[in-house]
Amino acid sequence: MPVQNAEIAALLNQEAELLEIQGANPFRVRAYRRAAQTIGALPRSVASILAAEEDLTALPGIGQDLAGKIAEIVKTGRFPALDDLKREVPGDLAAIATLPGMGPRRVSQLHHELGVQGRGRRQCPSASDSCPPR
């Protein structure tokens, strides 16, 4: 079954959130978000666009790199860049970002300032420092 536009958009948004948690370049984060918006709003499926051998870079906010990643998602149903990023982001910070009131910026701040790695888990800054009490 072909990957739907909404699924592709969700994957691109997830990539943007994880990049933002990591503190990646804001322009890169914005590019993924804009691509997700574009794909989500398309009246045709990306699969049909690719089947017609149309160029995805003709769509607003889709450059050569993102076009290749989107084509890979449609072709394989997987997003290797997102899988790699999930392995790089510590703990379950991505899951925390989905909680109400917790966006990528706040999760990043909690991780960097307090050592939060997931629900109920913290990492103290160094062996000589003690974690603040809960």
Foldseek 3Di string as FASTA:
>chain_A
DFDFLLNLLVLLLLLLLLCVLVVHDPVSSVLSNVVSVQSVPDPDGVLVCVVVVHQPCVTPSADPVNSVQSVCCRVPVDRVVSVVSVVVQAAVLSVVCPDPPRHSNNSSCCCVVQQDRDVPDGDDPDPVDDHDDD
